Amino acid sequence: MRVSDVMTRGVECIRPETSIQEAAEKMKSLDVGTLPVCDHDRLVGMWTDRDITVRATAKGEDPMIVLASDVMTPDVTYCYEDQLVQEAAMLMQEKQLRRLVVLDRHKRLQGIVSLGDLAVQTGDDELAGTTLEAVSEASPRLEDS
């Protein structure tokens, strides 16, 4: 089974020049905790609810002035839509990610694959369980600040 068979399509993006206020409103309206940041059709980062909290609000940043590009995570881990689901799951386990951006081979955003997608779409309870366990383990890395 390929990632394209299980991923969520039609993922909305924000642009790097989007204010964090505007981006937070979009997250609320879409009921999501993460948004890809795209410059035209190219992925340039990820913007998460954690970015709002740790990189903006905790530092007293003005949400009307600060841009998504100022507080986004620029180094995005991704997989390709034609990869096997097991490869994506291994990457999620290794990087302890609950969501993984999916690109085509031209590096254009195609969707997102989540733990939920693995659990529901693959029917592979062992794969989903193993991935959830690895993602949930305490991380030895230092958190961004």
C-alpha atoms as a PDB file:
ATOM      1  CA  MET A   1       0.000   0.000   0.000  1.00  0.00           C
ATOM      2  CA  ARG A   2       1.303   3.458  -0.952  1.00  0.00           C
ATOM      3  CA  VAL A   3       1.102   6.674   1.075  1.00  0.00           C
ATOM      4  CA  SER A   4      -1.164   8.140  -1.628  1.00  0.00           C
ATOM      5  CA  ASP A   5      -3.732   5.436  -0.742  1.00  0.00           C
ATOM      6  CA  VAL A   6      -4.085   6.563   2.887  1.00  0.00           C
ATOM      7  CA  MET A   7      -3.113  10.237   3.095  1.00  0.00           C
ATOM      8  CA  THR A   8      -5.465  13.148   3.610  1.00  0.00           C
ATOM      9  CA  ARG A   9      -5.695  15.228   0.435  1.00  0.00           C
ATOM     10  CA  GLY A  10      -6.756  18.816  -0.076  1.00  0.00           C
ATOM     11  CA  VAL A  11      -4.590  20.172   2.711  1.00  0.00           C
ATOM     12  CA  GLU A  12      -4.737  23.950   2.982  1.00  0.00           C
ATOM     13  CA  CYS A  13      -1.585  26.049   3.279  1.00  0.00           C
ATOM     14  CA  ILE A  14      -0.653  29.463   4.501  1.00  0.00           C
ATOM     15  CA  ARG A  15       1.857  31.755   2.845  1.00  0.00           C
ATOM     16  CA  PRO A  16       5.049  32.864   4.616  1.00  0.00           C
ATOM     17  CA  GLU A  17       3.768  36.454   4.825  1.00  0.00           C
ATOM     18  CA  THR A  18       0.560  35.423   6.628  1.00  0.00           C
ATOM     19  CA  SER A  19       0.293  37.046  10.076  1.00  0.00           C
ATOM     20  CA  ILE A  20       0.160  34.659  13.011  1.00  0.00           C
ATOM     21  CA  GLN A  21      -3.258  36.120  13.886  1.00  0.00           C
ATOM     22  CA  GLU A  22      -4.583  35.223  10.430  1.00  0.00           C
ATOM     23  CA  ALA A  23      -2.920  31.791  10.513  1.00  0.00           C
ATOM     24  CA  ALA A  24      -4.371  31.041  13.962  1.00  0.00           C
ATOM     25  CA  GLU A  25      -7.842  32.003  12.699  1.00  0.00           C
ATOM     26  CA  LYS A  26      -7.403  29.620   9.763  1.00  0.00           C
ATOM     27  CA  MET A  27      -6.327  26.820  12.104  1.00  0.00           C
ATOM     28  CA  LYS A  28      -9.435  27.448  14.184  1.00  0.00           C
ATOM     29  CA  SER A  29     -11.796  27.482  11.219  1.00  0.00           C
ATOM     30  CA  LEU A  30     -10.266  24.283   9.807  1.00  0.00           C
ATOM     31  CA  ASP A  31     -10.016  22.684  13.265  1.00  0.00           C
ATOM     32  CA  VAL A  32      -6.388  21.671  12.744  1.00  0.00           C
ATOM     33  CA  GLY A  33      -3.216  21.973  14.803  1.00  0.00           C
ATOM     34  CA  THR A  34      -0.778  22.352  11.940  1.00  0.00           C
ATOM     35  CA  LEU A  35      -0.613  24.104   8.585  1.00  0.00           C
ATOM     36  CA  PRO A  36       1.980  23.747   5.841  1.00  0.00           C
ATOM     37  CA  VAL A  37       3.646  27.011   4.830  1.00  0.00           C
ATOM     38  CA  CYS A  38       3.960  27.235   1.052  1.00  0.00           C
ATOM     39  CA  ASP A  39       5.564  29.767  -1.234  1.00  0.00           C
ATOM     40  CA  HIS A  40       3.499  29.319  -4.380  1.00  0.00           C
ATOM     41  CA  ASP A  41       3.474  25.520  -4.804  1.00  0.00           C
ATOM     42  CA  ARG A  42       6.626  24.796  -2.762  1.00  0.00           C
ATOM     43  CA  LEU A  43       6.658  23.739   0.868  1.00  0.00           C
ATOM     44  CA  VAL A  44       8.907  26.054   2.913  1.00  0.00           C
ATOM     45  CA  GLY A  45       7.904  25.127   6.462  1.00  0.00           C
ATOM     46  CA  MET A  46       5.279  23.934   8.903  1.00  0.00           C
ATOM     47  CA  TRP A  47       3.336  26.077  11.301  1.00  0.00           C
ATOM     48  CA  THR A  48       1.914  24.470  14.421  1.00  0.00           C
ATOM     49  CA  ASP A  49      -0.074  25.414  17.479  1.00  0.00           C
ATOM     50  CA  ARG A  50       3.189  24.885  19.373  1.00  0.00           C
ATOM     51  CA  ASP A  51       4.860  27.554  17.221  1.00  0.00           C
ATOM     52  CA  ILE A  52       2.151  29.975  18.323  1.00  0.00           C
ATOM     53  CA  THR A  53       2.682  29.145  21.981  1.00  0.00           C
ATOM     54  CA  VAL A  54       6.444  28.731  22.273  1.00  0.00           C
ATOM     55  CA  ARG A  55       7.836  30.927  19.525  1.00  0.00           C
ATOM     56  CA  ALA A  56       5.308  33.754  19.552  1.00  0.00           C
ATOM     57  CA  THR A  57       2.985  34.107  22.555  1.00  0.00           C
ATOM     58  CA  ALA A  58       5.598  33.172  25.182  1.00  0.00           C
ATOM     59  CA  LYS A  59       7.898  35.840  23.755  1.00  0.00           C
ATOM     60  CA  GLY A  60       5.163  38.486  23.745  1.00  0.00           C
ATOM     61  CA  GLU A  61       5.119  38.809  19.961  1.00  0.00           C
ATOM     62  CA  ASP A  62       2.388  40.910  18.352  1.00  0.00           C
ATOM     63  CA  PRO A  63       0.146  38.463  16.430  1.00  0.00           C
ATOM     64  CA  MET A  64      -0.877  41.165  13.956  1.00  0.00           C
ATOM     65  CA  ILE A  65       2.717  41.985  12.983  1.00  0.00           C
ATOM     66  CA  VAL A  66       4.688  38.737  13.305  1.00  0.00           C
ATOM     67  CA  LEU A  67       4.549  36.555  10.200  1.00  0.00           C
ATOM     68  CA  ALA A  68       4.235  32.801   9.879  1.00  0.00           C
ATOM     69  CA  SER A  69       7.735  32.706   8.391  1.00  0.00           C
ATOM     70  CA  ASP A  70       9.103  34.282  11.584  1.00  0.00           C
ATOM     71  CA  VAL A  71       7.923  31.447  13.838  1.00  0.00           C
ATOM     72  CA  MET A  72       7.416  28.443  11.548  1.00  0.00           C
ATOM     73  CA  THR A  73       9.472  25.273  11.650  1.00  0.00           C
ATOM     74  CA  PRO A  74      11.623  25.547   8.504  1.00  0.00           C
ATOM     75  CA  ASP A  75      13.070  22.028   8.459  1.00  0.00           C
ATOM     76  CA  VAL A  76      10.174  19.814   7.474  1.00  0.00           C
ATOM     77  CA  THR A  77      10.339  16.038   7.466  1.00  0.00           C
ATOM     78  CA  TYR A  78       8.320  14.633   4.587  1.00  0.00           C
ATOM     79  CA  CYS A  79       7.682  11.534   2.557  1.00  0.00           C
ATOM     80  CA  TYR A  80       6.672  11.001  -1.052  1.00  0.00           C
ATOM     81  CA  GLU A  81       3.214   9.951  -2.149  1.00  0.00           C
ATOM     82  CA  ASP A  82       4.587   6.893  -3.988  1.00  0.00           C
ATOM     83  CA  GLN A  83       6.454   5.527  -0.955  1.00  0.00           C
ATOM     84  CA  LEU A  84       5.184   2.505   0.927  1.00  0.00           C
ATOM     85  CA  VAL A  85       3.068   3.210   3.997  1.00  0.00           C
ATOM     86  CA  GLN A  86       5.555   1.210   6.075  1.00  0.00           C
ATOM     87  CA  GLU A  87       8.358   3.591   5.039  1.00  0.00           C
ATOM     88  CA  ALA A  88       6.296   6.598   6.103  1.00  0.00           C
ATOM     89  CA  ALA A  89       5.462   4.897   9.402  1.00  0.00           C
ATOM     90  CA  MET A  90       9.156   4.199  10.052  1.00  0.00           C
ATOM     91  CA  LEU A  91       9.967   7.859   9.397  1.00  0.00           C
ATOM     92  CA  MET A  92       7.204   8.943  11.770  1.00  0.00           C
ATOM     93  CA  GLN A  93       8.590   6.578  14.419  1.00  0.00           C
ATOM     94  CA  GLU A  94      12.179   7.724  13.928  1.00  0.00           C
ATOM     95  CA  LYS A  95      11.337  11.444  14.034  1.00  0.00           C
ATOM     96  CA  GLN A  96       8.490  11.043  16.567  1.00  0.00           C
ATOM     97  CA  LEU A  97       5.948  12.762  14.334  1.00  0.00           C
ATOM     98  CA  ARG A  98       2.181  12.410  14.536  1.00  0.00           C
ATOM     99  CA  ARG A  99       1.787  13.912  11.051  1.00  0.00           C
ATOM    100  CA  LEU A 100       3.978  13.714   8.004  1.00  0.00           C
ATOM    101  CA  VAL A 101       3.771  16.010   4.995  1.00  0.00           C
ATOM    102  CA  VAL A 102       3.382  14.182   1.683  1.00  0.00           C
ATOM    103  CA  LEU A 103       5.020  15.541  -1.480  1.00  0.00           C
ATOM    104  CA  ASP A 104       5.160  14.419  -5.087  1.00  0.00           C
ATOM    105  CA  ARG A 105       8.545  13.820  -6.712  1.00  0.00           C
ATOM    106  CA  HIS A 106       8.574  17.469  -7.858  1.00  0.00           C
ATOM    107  CA  LYS A 107       8.344  18.386  -4.146  1.00  0.00           C
ATOM    108  CA  ARG A 108       4.845  19.838  -4.404  1.00  0.00           C
ATOM    109  CA  LEU A 109       2.491  19.360  -1.489  1.00  0.00           C
ATOM    110  CA  GLN A 110       0.009  16.528  -2.026  1.00  0.00           C
ATOM    111  CA  GLY A 111      -1.336  15.911   1.472  1.00  0.00           C
ATOM    112  CA  ILE A 112      -0.605  14.825   5.013  1.00  0.00           C
ATOM    113  CA  VAL A 113      -0.487  11.344   6.476  1.00  0.00           C
ATOM    114  CA  SER A 114      -1.319  11.098  10.179  1.00  0.00           C
ATOM    115  CA  LEU A 115      -1.364   8.445  12.851  1.00  0.00           C
ATOM    116  CA  GLY A 116      -5.117   8.372  12.368  1.00  0.00           C
ATOM    117  CA  ASP A 117      -4.686   7.688   8.658  1.00  0.00           C
ATOM    118  CA  LEU A 118      -2.394   4.764   9.481  1.00  0.00           C
ATOM    119  CA  ALA A 119      -4.879   3.364  11.982  1.00  0.00           C
ATOM    120  CA  VAL A 120      -8.044   3.784   9.942  1.00  0.00           C
ATOM    121  CA  GLN A 121      -6.965   3.540   6.302  1.00  0.00           C
ATOM    122  CA  THR A 122      -4.415   0.715   6.402  1.00  0.00           C
ATOM    123  CA  GLY A 123      -6.312  -1.705   8.622  1.00  0.00           C
ATOM    124  CA  ASP A 124      -2.891  -2.657  10.000  1.00  0.00           C
ATOM    125  CA  ASP A 125      -3.370  -2.409  13.768  1.00  0.00           C
ATOM    126  CA  GLU A 126       0.182  -3.554  14.470  1.00  0.00           C
ATOM    127  CA  LEU A 127       1.713  -0.860  12.254  1.00  0.00           C
ATOM    128  CA  ALA A 128      -0.498   1.841  13.767  1.00  0.00           C
ATOM    129  CA  GLY A 129       0.197   0.653  17.321  1.00  0.00           C
ATOM    130  CA  THR A 130       3.945   0.430  16.852  1.00  0.00           C
ATOM    131  CA  THR A 131       4.040   3.885  15.299  1.00  0.00           C
ATOM    132  CA  LEU A 132       1.911   5.414  18.051  1.00  0.00           C
ATOM    133  CA  GLU A 133       4.118   3.837  20.715  1.00  0.00           C
ATOM    134  CA  ALA A 134       7.336   5.145  19.118  1.00  0.00           C
ATOM    135  CA  VAL A 135       5.900   8.624  18.561  1.00  0.00           C
ATOM    136  CA  SER A 136       4.695   8.794  22.172  1.00  0.00           C
ATOM    137  CA  GLU A 137       8.004   7.787  23.795  1.00  0.00           C
ATOM    138  CA  ALA A 138       9.801  10.483  25.730  1.00  0.00           C
ATOM    139  CA  SER A 139      12.195  12.240  23.406  1.00  0.00           C
ATOM    140  CA  PRO A 140      15.822  12.695  24.444  1.00  0.00           C
ATOM    141  CA  ARG A 141      16.098  15.828  22.274  1.00  0.00           C
ATOM    142  CA  LEU A 142      15.761  19.332  23.617  1.00  0.00           C
ATOM    143  CA  GLU A 143      12.590  21.142  22.644  1.00  0.00           C
ATOM    144  CA  ASP A 144      12.778  24.262  20.493  1.00  0.00           C
ATOM    145  CA  SER A 145      12.563  27.484  22.378  1.00  0.00           C
END
